[in-house]
């Protein structure tokens, strides 16, 4: 799969995850909803929609895949990162989460080189430049919450970047196999969250809605999140099926898109520096994708 296709898939995943980050911030940070319950409902609804689509479009025997430990590990990594971001949005705004996700860009190319021998000096230069831009223009404070966010999400993203190409290598031969891989990942993510739910003994009725308007709003939120999760997961699986550190840069500017979306949806303050950072980081990445 070409580098440009990998980057387009990464961009689709990144934009979708940017919107998901706004929903996460609203549910976990503003409404203070339980992380496990939110992740369970999201995975349950995503599984339902993915199953309907799989019945119609998927032409691949998935049963052998459901016994593959590689897919189980891949799903565990994806879900761990999702939980990590959920904890970030408990205490950080969408803008503040940029630092936590971007810091890993300095380590991911090195980690990919250590695991696969693949290293692009120009891509690493982009990693350095985009990280410096974010730290210079986006950071407003260095407090315990920000440092904790970096400590939580950076190791998860680095480990994921190293293992993802290895775990997807046997399934990146055809598009249909990658789609089947994605569906099985969704199945295992639901199973993982179910275990978390039972381990924490979290009651599903822990959050009561006040009225029909609240019910309709929650349905809309979860439906939107379900569609976005499918797009994000499919794009992410394709993007991480190759050794493209540039694709990882696109994947890790999720929070930058989230900053823009949150300013319109959640009315979180977006200053001129944040806009400049978004334009510069996106511009540098696109230039590198087209001109190598």
Protein backbone atom coordinates (compact mmCIF):
# COMPACT_ATOMS: atom_id res chain seq x y z
CA UNK A 1 0.00 0.00 0.00
CA UNK A 2 1.46 3.37 -1.05
CA UNK A 3 2.54 6.01 1.45
CA UNK A 4 -0.11 8.41 0.12
CA UNK A 5 -2.92 5.89 0.69
CA UNK A 6 -1.60 5.22 4.20
CA UNK A 7 -1.63 8.96 4.88
CA UNK A 8 -5.19 9.38 3.56
CA UNK A 9 -6.36 6.54 5.79
CA UNK A 10 -4.51 8.11 8.70
CA UNK A 11 -6.15 11.47 7.96
CA UNK A 12 -9.66 9.93 7.92
CA UNK A 13 -8.92 8.20 11.20
CA UNK A 14 -7.40 11.33 12.71
CA UNK A 15 -10.34 13.60 11.85
CA UNK A 16 -12.83 11.01 13.14
CA UNK A 17 -10.87 10.59 16.34
CA UNK A 18 -10.71 14.37 16.67
CA UNK A 19 -14.50 14.45 16.73
CA UNK A 20 -14.54 11.50 19.13
CA UNK A 21 -12.21 13.42 21.44
CA UNK A 22 -14.81 16.20 21.61
CA UNK A 23 -17.47 13.66 22.56
CA UNK A 24 -15.10 12.11 25.13
CA UNK A 25 -14.36 15.51 26.63
CA UNK A 26 -18.11 16.22 26.87
CA UNK A 27 -18.96 12.85 28.43
CA UNK A 28 -15.96 12.28 30.70
CA UNK A 29 -14.71 15.79 31.41
CA UNK A 30 -17.86 17.91 31.45
CA UNK A 31 -20.61 15.43 32.34
CA UNK A 32 -18.24 13.31 34.50
CA UNK A 33 -19.65 10.04 33.19
CA UNK A 34 -18.00 6.72 34.05
CA UNK A 35 -15.16 5.82 31.67
CA UNK A 36 -15.89 2.09 31.67
CA UNK A 37 -19.61 2.52 31.00
CA UNK A 38 -19.02 4.99 28.17
CA UNK A 39 -16.45 2.71 26.54
CA UNK A 40 -18.73 -0.31 26.97
CA UNK A 41 -21.71 1.38 25.32
CA UNK A 42 -19.58 2.72 22.49
CA UNK A 43 -18.04 -0.68 21.79
CA UNK A 44 -21.42 -2.41 22.05
CA UNK A 45 -23.10 -0.10 19.53
CA UNK A 46 -20.07 -0.19 17.24
CA UNK A 47 -20.13 -3.99 17.34
CA UNK A 48 -23.83 -3.97 16.40
CA UNK A 49 -23.37 -1.68 13.39
CA UNK A 50 -20.17 -3.42 12.30
CA UNK A 51 -21.92 -6.80 12.42
CA UNK A 52 -24.72 -5.55 10.16
CA UNK A 53 -22.18 -4.20 7.67
CA UNK A 54 -20.09 -7.38 7.87
CA UNK A 55 -23.09 -9.57 7.02
CA UNK A 56 -23.70 -7.53 3.86
CA UNK A 57 -20.22 -6.62 2.65
CA UNK A 58 -17.61 -8.85 4.26
CA UNK A 59 -16.59 -11.82 2.14
CA UNK A 60 -14.05 -13.40 4.41
CA UNK A 61 -14.16 -16.31 6.84
CA UNK A 62 -13.55 -14.61 10.18
CA UNK A 63 -13.71 -17.63 12.49
CA UNK A 64 -9.99 -18.50 12.23
CA UNK A 65 -9.19 -14.85 12.93
CA UNK A 66 -11.16 -14.93 16.17
CA UNK A 67 -8.61 -17.42 17.48
CA UNK A 68 -5.58 -15.39 16.38
CA UNK A 69 -3.60 -14.01 19.33
CA UNK A 70 -2.22 -11.21 17.12
CA UNK A 71 -5.67 -9.70 16.68
CA UNK A 72 -6.34 -10.08 20.40
CA UNK A 73 -3.13 -8.18 21.23
CA UNK A 74 -3.89 -5.54 18.60
CA UNK A 75 -7.38 -5.00 20.05
CA UNK A 76 -5.89 -4.76 23.54
CA UNK A 77 -3.49 -2.04 22.37
CA UNK A 78 -6.24 -0.07 20.63
CA UNK A 79 -8.54 -0.29 23.64
CA UNK A 80 -5.73 0.64 26.03
CA UNK A 81 -5.07 3.81 24.02
CA UNK A 82 -8.80 4.59 23.99
CA UNK A 83 -8.95 4.24 27.78
CA UNK A 84 -5.81 6.35 28.08
CA UNK A 85 -7.42 9.17 26.14
CA UNK A 86 -10.56 8.82 28.26
CA UNK A 87 -8.50 9.45 31.39
CA UNK A 88 -6.85 12.43 29.70
CA UNK A 89 -10.17 14.09 29.02
CA UNK A 90 -11.21 13.68 32.64
CA UNK A 91 -8.79 16.42 33.65
CA UNK A 92 -7.50 18.05 30.45
CA UNK A 93 -9.23 20.17 27.85
CA UNK A 94 -8.97 19.09 24.23
CA UNK A 95 -6.30 21.74 23.63
CA UNK A 96 -4.23 20.59 26.63
CA UNK A 97 -4.34 17.00 25.40
CA UNK A 98 -2.34 18.06 22.33
CA UNK A 99 0.86 18.04 24.37
CA UNK A 100 0.26 14.53 25.65
CA UNK A 101 -0.34 13.05 22.21
CA UNK A 102 2.29 15.06 20.32
CA UNK A 103 5.18 14.31 22.68
CA UNK A 104 5.16 10.71 21.46
CA UNK A 105 6.08 11.88 17.94
CA UNK A 106 9.65 12.33 19.12
CA UNK A 107 9.85 8.68 20.19
CA UNK A 108 7.72 6.85 17.62
CA UNK A 109 10.14 7.10 14.64
CA UNK A 110 12.96 5.84 16.86
CA UNK A 111 10.79 3.01 18.14
CA UNK A 112 9.82 2.05 14.57
CA UNK A 113 13.48 2.02 13.59
CA UNK A 114 14.32 -0.24 16.53
CA UNK A 115 11.55 -2.69 15.65
CA UNK A 116 11.61 -2.71 11.84
CA UNK A 117 14.81 -0.99 10.74
CA UNK A 118 12.72 1.58 8.89
CA UNK A 119 13.80 5.18 9.42
CA UNK A 120 13.28 8.34 7.40
CA UNK A 121 15.42 11.32 8.45
CA UNK A 122 13.06 13.74 6.70
CA UNK A 123 10.02 12.26 8.46
CA UNK A 124 11.79 12.50 11.79
CA UNK A 125 12.61 16.12 11.05
CA UNK A 126 8.87 16.69 10.50
CA UNK A 127 8.23 14.98 13.85
CA UNK A 128 10.64 17.34 15.59
CA UNK A 129 9.31 20.46 13.87
CA UNK A 130 5.63 19.67 14.50
CA UNK A 131 6.31 18.81 18.14
CA UNK A 132 8.26 22.04 18.67
CA UNK A 133 5.42 24.00 17.05
CA UNK A 134 2.85 22.41 19.35
CA UNK A 135 4.94 22.92 22.48
CA UNK A 136 5.70 26.52 21.54
CA UNK A 137 2.25 27.64 20.42
CA UNK A 138 -0.21 25.32 22.16
CA UNK A 139 1.11 24.80 25.68
CA UNK A 140 -0.30 27.22 28.24
CA UNK A 141 0.83 25.60 31.50
CA UNK A 142 2.98 22.80 32.88
CA UNK A 143 1.07 21.35 35.82
CA UNK A 144 0.56 17.90 37.32
CA UNK A 145 -2.41 17.12 35.07
CA UNK A 146 -0.43 17.88 31.91
CA UNK A 147 2.59 15.85 33.02
CA UNK A 148 0.34 12.97 34.09
CA UNK A 149 -1.31 13.07 30.68
CA UNK A 150 2.06 12.77 28.97
CA UNK A 151 3.05 9.91 31.27
CA UNK A 152 -0.19 8.04 30.56
CA UNK A 153 -0.55 8.36 26.80
CA UNK A 154 3.04 8.51 25.51
CA UNK A 155 4.07 4.92 26.40
CA UNK A 156 0.78 3.58 25.05
CA UNK A 157 1.20 5.35 21.70
CA UNK A 158 4.84 4.32 21.35
CA UNK A 159 4.13 0.65 22.13
CA UNK A 160 1.18 0.71 19.74
CA UNK A 161 3.31 2.18 16.94
CA UNK A 162 5.94 -0.54 17.36
CA UNK A 163 3.61 -3.52 17.56
CA UNK A 164 0.85 -2.50 15.13
CA UNK A 165 2.80 -3.19 11.89
CA UNK A 166 3.93 -6.54 13.30
CA UNK A 167 0.45 -7.59 14.39
CA UNK A 168 -1.21 -6.56 11.10
CA UNK A 169 1.53 -7.84 8.78
CA UNK A 170 -0.22 -11.10 7.91
CA UNK A 171 -3.49 -9.37 7.12
CA UNK A 172 -2.37 -6.47 4.92
CA UNK A 173 -2.29 -8.59 1.75
CA UNK A 174 -5.82 -7.71 0.63
CA UNK A 175 -8.37 -5.07 1.52
CA UNK A 176 -10.94 -7.71 2.48
CA UNK A 177 -8.58 -9.34 4.95
CA UNK A 178 -7.85 -5.98 6.55
CA UNK A 179 -11.58 -5.29 6.87
CA UNK A 180 -12.06 -8.71 8.47
CA UNK A 181 -9.17 -7.91 10.79
CA UNK A 182 -10.89 -4.64 11.73
CA UNK A 183 -14.17 -6.39 12.49
CA UNK A 184 -12.45 -8.95 14.71
CA UNK A 185 -10.67 -6.08 16.49
CA UNK A 186 -14.07 -4.54 17.27
CA UNK A 187 -15.29 -7.89 18.64
CA UNK A 188 -12.28 -8.23 20.94
CA UNK A 189 -12.53 -4.61 22.09
CA UNK A 190 -16.08 -5.29 23.27
CA UNK A 191 -14.92 -8.42 25.11
CA UNK A 192 -12.08 -6.49 26.78
CA UNK A 193 -14.43 -3.76 28.03
CA UNK A 194 -16.87 -6.40 29.26
CA UNK A 195 -14.09 -7.85 31.41
CA UNK A 196 -13.33 -4.35 32.70
CA UNK A 197 -16.99 -3.81 33.49
CA UNK A 198 -17.25 -7.01 35.52
CA UNK A 199 -13.86 -6.48 37.19
CA UNK A 200 -14.88 -3.02 38.41
CA UNK A 201 -18.41 -4.23 39.18
CA UNK A 202 -19.68 -1.05 37.56
CA UNK A 203 -23.49 -0.84 37.53
CA UNK A 204 -24.89 -0.10 34.08
CA UNK A 205 -27.70 1.87 35.66
CA UNK A 206 -25.31 4.20 37.40
CA UNK A 207 -26.27 7.17 35.24
CA UNK A 208 -29.94 8.09 34.98
CA UNK A 209 -31.26 10.39 32.34
CA UNK A 210 -33.51 13.21 33.42
CA UNK A 211 -36.01 13.43 30.56
CA UNK A 212 -36.81 12.47 27.00
CA UNK A 213 -34.67 15.30 25.68
CA UNK A 214 -31.67 13.90 27.54
CA UNK A 215 -32.44 10.43 26.18
CA UNK A 216 -32.62 11.71 22.59
CA UNK A 217 -29.39 13.64 23.07
CA UNK A 218 -27.58 10.57 24.39
CA UNK A 219 -28.85 8.45 21.49
CA UNK A 220 -27.56 11.04 19.01
CA UNK A 221 -24.20 11.20 20.78
CA UNK A 222 -23.72 7.43 20.81
CA UNK A 223 -24.92 7.03 17.21
CA UNK A 224 -22.45 9.68 16.04
CA UNK A 225 -19.72 8.10 18.12
CA UNK A 226 -20.48 4.67 16.66
CA UNK A 227 -20.13 5.85 13.06
CA UNK A 228 -16.99 7.83 13.88
CA UNK A 229 -15.48 4.86 15.71
CA UNK A 230 -15.98 2.63 12.66
CA UNK A 231 -14.36 5.17 10.34
CA UNK A 232 -11.54 5.75 12.81
CA UNK A 233 -10.92 2.03 13.35
CA UNK A 234 -10.95 1.13 9.65
CA UNK A 235 -8.70 4.06 8.76
CA UNK A 236 -6.38 3.30 11.66
CA UNK A 237 -6.04 -0.38 10.74
CA UNK A 238 -5.11 0.46 7.15
CA UNK A 239 -2.79 3.30 8.16
CA UNK A 240 -0.86 1.17 10.67
CA UNK A 241 -0.54 -1.81 8.33
CA UNK A 242 2.63 -0.25 6.89
CA UNK A 243 5.83 1.16 8.36
CA UNK A 244 4.96 4.80 7.75
CA UNK A 245 6.13 7.16 10.46
CA UNK A 246 4.48 9.97 8.47
CA UNK A 247 1.13 8.22 8.86
CA UNK A 248 1.75 8.18 12.60
CA UNK A 249 2.29 11.94 12.56
CA UNK A 250 -1.15 12.35 10.97
CA UNK A 251 -2.65 9.93 13.46
CA UNK A 252 -1.17 11.88 16.33
CA UNK A 253 -2.50 15.30 15.30
CA UNK A 254 -5.93 14.08 16.34
CA UNK A 255 -6.00 16.52 19.22
CA UNK A 256 -5.23 19.43 16.91
CA UNK A 257 -8.38 18.72 14.93
CA UNK A 258 -10.17 18.15 18.21
CA UNK A 259 -9.18 21.66 19.32
CA UNK A 260 -10.93 23.18 16.31
CA UNK A 261 -14.02 21.00 16.69
CA UNK A 262 -14.24 21.65 20.42
CA UNK A 263 -14.11 25.41 19.89
CA UNK A 264 -17.28 25.21 17.80
CA UNK A 265 -19.10 22.40 19.61
CA UNK A 266 -18.03 22.80 23.24
CA UNK A 267 -17.17 26.51 22.99
CA UNK A 268 -13.71 25.85 24.41
CA UNK A 269 -11.43 28.81 23.87
CA UNK A 270 -9.33 28.65 20.70
CA UNK A 271 -6.64 31.32 20.48
CA UNK A 272 -4.74 32.52 17.43
CA UNK A 273 -1.65 30.51 18.38
CA UNK A 274 -3.63 27.26 18.30
CA UNK A 275 -4.90 28.07 14.81
CA UNK A 276 -1.38 28.85 13.61
CA UNK A 277 -0.11 25.58 15.11
CA UNK A 278 -2.84 23.57 13.35
CA UNK A 279 -2.12 25.19 9.99
CA UNK A 280 1.65 24.78 10.30
CA UNK A 281 1.56 21.16 11.46
CA UNK A 282 -1.00 20.12 8.83
CA UNK A 283 0.86 22.04 6.12
CA UNK A 284 4.24 20.50 6.92
CA UNK A 285 2.74 17.02 6.95
CA UNK A 286 0.96 17.46 3.61
CA UNK A 287 4.08 18.90 1.97
CA UNK A 288 6.11 15.93 3.19
CA UNK A 289 3.44 13.49 1.91
CA UNK A 290 3.45 14.95 -1.60
CA UNK A 291 7.07 15.89 -2.09
CA UNK A 292 8.79 13.27 0.08
